[in-house]
């Protein structure tokens, strides 16, 4: 029994639709996995930043004189550089 052109075309269309459906599902799964990875990385980055901020705050509270001296030195250095750059113009 030979198939007609319409029947063969319908079979090809059905097979193409199944392949497209599988591909769409695979892409959706990959995107969902990627979103999960990005959320996890963002959470870890936020946690690390918070930990650094807490450590820095504690260090500044433990060494107030060193903090004031360092801030003064940085201010003088930046001020000197800005003055030097403006003088060159």
N, C-alpha and C. Protein backbone atom coordinates (compact mmCIF):
# COMPACT_ATOMS: atom_id res chain seq x y z
N UNK A 1 0.84 -1.16 0.00
CA UNK A 1 0.00 0.00 0.00
C UNK A 1 0.89 1.23 0.00
N UNK A 2 0.78 2.01 -1.00
CA UNK A 2 1.64 3.18 -1.11
C UNK A 2 0.96 4.38 -0.46
N UNK A 3 1.82 5.20 0.08
CA UNK A 3 1.30 6.40 0.74
C UNK A 3 1.18 7.53 -0.26
N UNK A 4 0.23 8.34 -0.02
CA UNK A 4 0.07 9.50 -0.89
C UNK A 4 1.02 10.60 -0.42
N UNK A 5 1.19 11.57 -1.25
CA UNK A 5 2.06 12.69 -0.94
C UNK A 5 1.55 13.42 0.31
N UNK A 6 0.26 13.54 0.43
CA UNK A 6 -0.33 14.24 1.56
C UNK A 6 -0.03 13.49 2.86
N UNK A 7 -0.15 12.18 2.84
CA UNK A 7 0.11 11.38 4.03
C UNK A 7 1.58 11.49 4.44
N UNK A 8 2.48 11.42 3.47
CA UNK A 8 3.91 11.53 3.77
C UNK A 8 4.25 12.92 4.30
N UNK A 9 3.65 13.94 3.71
CA UNK A 9 3.88 15.30 4.17
C UNK A 9 3.37 15.46 5.60
N UNK A 10 2.22 14.89 5.88
CA UNK A 10 1.65 14.97 7.23
C UNK A 10 2.58 14.27 8.23
N UNK A 11 3.15 13.13 7.85
CA UNK A 11 4.08 12.43 8.74
C UNK A 11 5.33 13.27 9.00
N UNK A 12 5.85 13.90 7.95
CA UNK A 12 7.04 14.74 8.10
C UNK A 12 6.75 15.96 8.99
N UNK A 13 5.58 16.52 8.80
CA UNK A 13 5.21 17.67 9.62
C UNK A 13 5.06 17.25 11.08
N UNK A 14 4.45 16.09 11.30
CA UNK A 14 4.29 15.58 12.67
C UNK A 14 5.64 15.32 13.32
N UNK A 15 6.55 14.72 12.58
CA UNK A 15 7.90 14.44 13.11
C UNK A 15 8.64 15.75 13.39
N UNK A 16 8.51 16.72 12.50
CA UNK A 16 9.16 18.03 12.71
C UNK A 16 8.58 18.72 13.94
N UNK A 17 7.29 18.60 14.13
CA UNK A 17 6.65 19.21 15.30
C UNK A 17 7.16 18.56 16.58
N UNK A 18 7.32 17.24 16.58
CA UNK A 18 7.83 16.55 17.77
C UNK A 18 9.28 16.98 18.06
N UNK A 19 10.08 17.08 17.02
CA UNK A 19 11.46 17.53 17.20
C UNK A 19 11.51 18.96 17.74
N UNK A 20 10.67 19.82 17.18
CA UNK A 20 10.63 21.20 17.65
C UNK A 20 10.18 21.27 19.10
N UNK A 21 9.24 20.44 19.47
CA UNK A 21 8.76 20.41 20.84
C UNK A 21 9.86 19.96 21.79
N UNK A 22 10.62 18.92 21.40
CA UNK A 22 11.73 18.46 22.23
C UNK A 22 12.81 19.53 22.35
N UNK A 23 13.10 20.19 21.25
CA UNK A 23 14.11 21.24 21.26
C UNK A 23 13.67 22.41 22.15
N UNK A 24 12.41 22.77 22.05
CA UNK A 24 11.88 23.85 22.88
C UNK A 24 11.97 23.48 24.36
N UNK A 25 11.63 22.25 24.68
CA UNK A 25 11.72 21.80 26.07
C UNK A 25 13.16 21.82 26.56
N UNK A 26 14.09 21.37 25.73
CA UNK A 26 15.50 21.36 26.12
C UNK A 26 16.01 22.79 26.35
N UNK A 27 15.62 23.71 25.48
CA UNK A 27 16.04 25.10 25.64
C UNK A 27 15.44 25.71 26.90
N UNK A 28 14.18 25.43 27.15
CA UNK A 28 13.53 25.95 28.35
C UNK A 28 14.21 25.41 29.61
N UNK A 29 14.57 24.14 29.61
CA UNK A 29 15.27 23.55 30.76
C UNK A 29 16.64 24.20 30.95
N UNK A 30 17.34 24.43 29.85
CA UNK A 30 18.66 25.04 29.93
C UNK A 30 18.57 26.47 30.48
N UNK A 31 17.57 27.21 30.04
CA UNK A 31 17.38 28.58 30.53
C UNK A 31 17.04 28.56 32.01
N UNK A 32 16.17 27.65 32.41
CA UNK A 32 15.78 27.54 33.82
C UNK A 32 16.99 27.19 34.69
N UNK A 33 17.82 26.28 34.22
CA UNK A 33 19.04 25.93 34.97
C UNK A 33 19.98 27.13 35.06
N UNK A 34 20.13 27.86 33.97
CA UNK A 34 21.01 29.03 33.95
C UNK A 34 20.53 30.11 34.92
N UNK A 35 19.23 30.31 34.96
CA UNK A 35 18.68 31.31 35.88
C UNK A 35 18.98 30.90 37.32
N UNK A 36 18.86 29.62 37.62
CA UNK A 36 19.18 29.14 38.96
C UNK A 36 20.63 29.36 39.32
N UNK A 37 21.51 29.10 38.37
CA UNK A 37 22.95 29.30 38.61
C UNK A 37 23.25 30.78 38.84
N UNK A 38 22.65 31.65 38.05
CA UNK A 38 22.88 33.09 38.18
C UNK A 38 22.36 33.59 39.53
N UNK A 39 21.19 33.11 39.94
CA UNK A 39 20.64 33.52 41.25
C UNK A 39 21.56 33.07 42.38
N UNK A 40 22.06 31.86 42.27
CA UNK A 40 22.96 31.33 43.30
C UNK A 40 24.25 32.16 43.36
N UNK A 41 24.81 32.47 42.21
CA UNK A 41 26.04 33.27 42.15
C UNK A 41 25.80 34.67 42.71
N UNK A 42 24.66 35.27 42.39
CA UNK A 42 24.35 36.60 42.91
C UNK A 42 24.20 36.57 44.42
N UNK A 43 23.58 35.53 44.94
CA UNK A 43 23.41 35.41 46.39
C UNK A 43 24.78 35.26 47.06
N UNK A 44 25.64 34.43 46.48
CA UNK A 44 26.98 34.25 47.05
C UNK A 44 27.77 35.55 47.00
N UNK A 45 27.65 36.29 45.90
CA UNK A 45 28.34 37.57 45.78
C UNK A 45 27.85 38.58 46.81
N UNK A 46 26.55 38.62 47.02
CA UNK A 46 25.98 39.51 48.03
C UNK A 46 26.44 39.13 49.42
N UNK A 47 26.47 37.84 49.70
CA UNK A 47 26.94 37.38 51.01
C UNK A 47 28.41 37.74 51.23
N UNK A 48 29.22 37.58 50.20
CA UNK A 48 30.64 37.91 50.30
C UNK A 48 30.84 39.41 50.53
N UNK A 49 30.07 40.23 49.81
CA UNK A 49 30.18 41.69 49.99
C UNK A 49 29.77 42.09 51.40
N UNK A 50 28.71 41.48 51.90
CA UNK A 50 28.27 41.78 53.26
C UNK A 50 29.33 41.38 54.29
N UNK A 51 29.96 40.24 54.07
CA UNK A 51 31.01 39.78 54.98
C UNK A 51 32.21 40.73 54.96
N UNK A 52 32.60 41.20 53.78
CA UNK A 52 33.71 42.14 53.66
C UNK A 52 33.36 43.45 54.38
N UNK A 53 32.13 43.92 54.21
CA UNK A 53 31.71 45.15 54.87
C UNK A 53 31.75 44.99 56.39
N UNK A 54 31.26 43.87 56.88
CA UNK A 54 31.29 43.63 58.33
C UNK A 54 32.72 43.55 58.86
N UNK A 55 33.58 42.84 58.14
CA UNK A 55 34.99 42.75 58.55
C UNK A 55 35.66 44.12 58.58
N UNK A 56 35.39 44.91 57.55
CA UNK A 56 35.98 46.24 57.48
C UNK A 56 35.48 47.12 58.63
N UNK A 57 34.20 47.06 58.92
CA UNK A 57 33.64 47.83 60.02
C UNK A 57 34.28 47.44 61.35
N UNK A 58 34.44 46.16 61.57
CA UNK A 58 35.07 45.70 62.82
C UNK A 58 36.53 46.15 62.90
N UNK A 59 37.25 46.07 61.79
CA UNK A 59 38.65 46.49 61.78
C UNK A 59 38.76 47.99 62.06
N UNK A 60 37.88 48.78 61.48
CA UNK A 60 37.90 50.22 61.72
C UNK A 60 37.60 50.54 63.18
N UNK A 61 36.70 49.79 63.78
CA UNK A 61 36.36 50.02 65.19
C UNK A 61 37.49 49.60 66.12
N UNK A 62 38.25 48.58 65.75
CA UNK A 62 39.35 48.12 66.58
C UNK A 62 40.57 49.01 66.50
N UNK A 63 40.74 49.71 65.37
CA UNK A 63 41.94 50.54 65.15
C UNK A 63 41.53 51.95 64.73
N UNK A 64 40.95 52.73 65.63
CA UNK A 64 40.47 54.06 65.22
C UNK A 64 41.59 55.04 64.87
N UNK A 65 42.72 55.01 65.58
CA UNK A 65 43.81 55.94 65.27
C UNK A 65 44.43 55.64 63.91
N UNK A 66 44.61 54.39 63.61
CA UNK A 66 45.14 54.00 62.30
C UNK A 66 44.18 54.43 61.19
N UNK A 67 42.88 54.31 61.46
CA UNK A 67 41.87 54.72 60.48
C UNK A 67 41.96 56.21 60.21
N UNK A 68 42.07 57.02 61.26
CA UNK A 68 42.16 58.47 61.09
C UNK A 68 43.45 58.84 60.36
N UNK A 69 44.57 58.23 60.74
CA UNK A 69 45.85 58.53 60.09
C UNK A 69 45.83 58.14 58.61
N UNK A 70 45.27 56.99 58.30
CA UNK A 70 45.20 56.54 56.90
C UNK A 70 44.30 57.46 56.09
N UNK A 71 43.16 57.83 56.66
CA UNK A 71 42.24 58.73 55.95
C UNK A 71 42.91 60.08 55.69
N UNK A 72 43.64 60.60 56.67
CA UNK A 72 44.35 61.85 56.50
C UNK A 72 45.40 61.74 55.39
N UNK A 73 46.17 60.65 55.40
CA UNK A 73 47.22 60.46 54.39
C UNK A 73 46.62 60.36 52.99
N UNK A 74 45.53 59.63 52.86
CA UNK A 74 44.89 59.50 51.54
C UNK A 74 44.36 60.86 51.09
N UNK A 75 43.75 61.60 52.00
CA UNK A 75 43.24 62.93 51.65
C UNK A 75 44.32 63.88 51.19
N UNK A 76 45.44 63.89 51.91
CA UNK A 76 46.56 64.75 51.53
C UNK A 76 47.11 64.34 50.16
N UNK A 77 47.24 63.04 49.95
CA UNK A 77 47.78 62.55 48.67
C UNK A 77 46.86 62.92 47.51
N UNK A 78 45.58 62.69 47.66
CA UNK A 78 44.63 63.02 46.59
C UNK A 78 44.60 64.52 46.36
N UNK A 79 44.59 65.30 47.43
CA UNK A 79 44.61 66.75 47.29
C UNK A 79 45.85 67.24 46.57
N UNK A 80 46.99 66.66 46.90
CA UNK A 80 48.24 67.03 46.24
C UNK A 80 48.20 66.69 44.75
N UNK A 81 47.70 65.51 44.43
CA UNK A 81 47.60 65.11 43.02
C UNK A 81 46.66 66.01 42.24
N UNK A 82 45.52 66.36 42.82
CA UNK A 82 44.57 67.24 42.13
C UNK A 82 45.20 68.62 41.94
N UNK A 83 45.85 69.15 42.98
CA UNK A 83 46.52 70.44 42.86
C UNK A 83 47.61 70.42 41.80
N UNK A 84 48.38 69.36 41.75
CA UNK A 84 49.44 69.23 40.76
C UNK A 84 48.86 69.17 39.34
N UNK A 85 47.75 68.41 39.18
CA UNK A 85 47.15 68.30 37.85
C UNK A 85 46.56 69.64 37.41
N UNK A 86 45.95 70.39 38.32
CA UNK A 86 45.38 71.71 37.97
C UNK A 86 46.47 72.73 37.66
N UNK A 87 47.59 72.61 38.35
CA UNK A 87 48.71 73.54 38.13
C UNK A 87 49.34 73.33 36.75
N UNK A 88 49.35 72.11 36.27
CA UNK A 88 49.96 71.79 34.98
C UNK A 88 49.17 72.39 33.81
N UNK A 89 47.93 72.68 34.01
CA UNK A 89 47.10 73.22 32.90
C UNK A 89 47.45 74.61 32.69
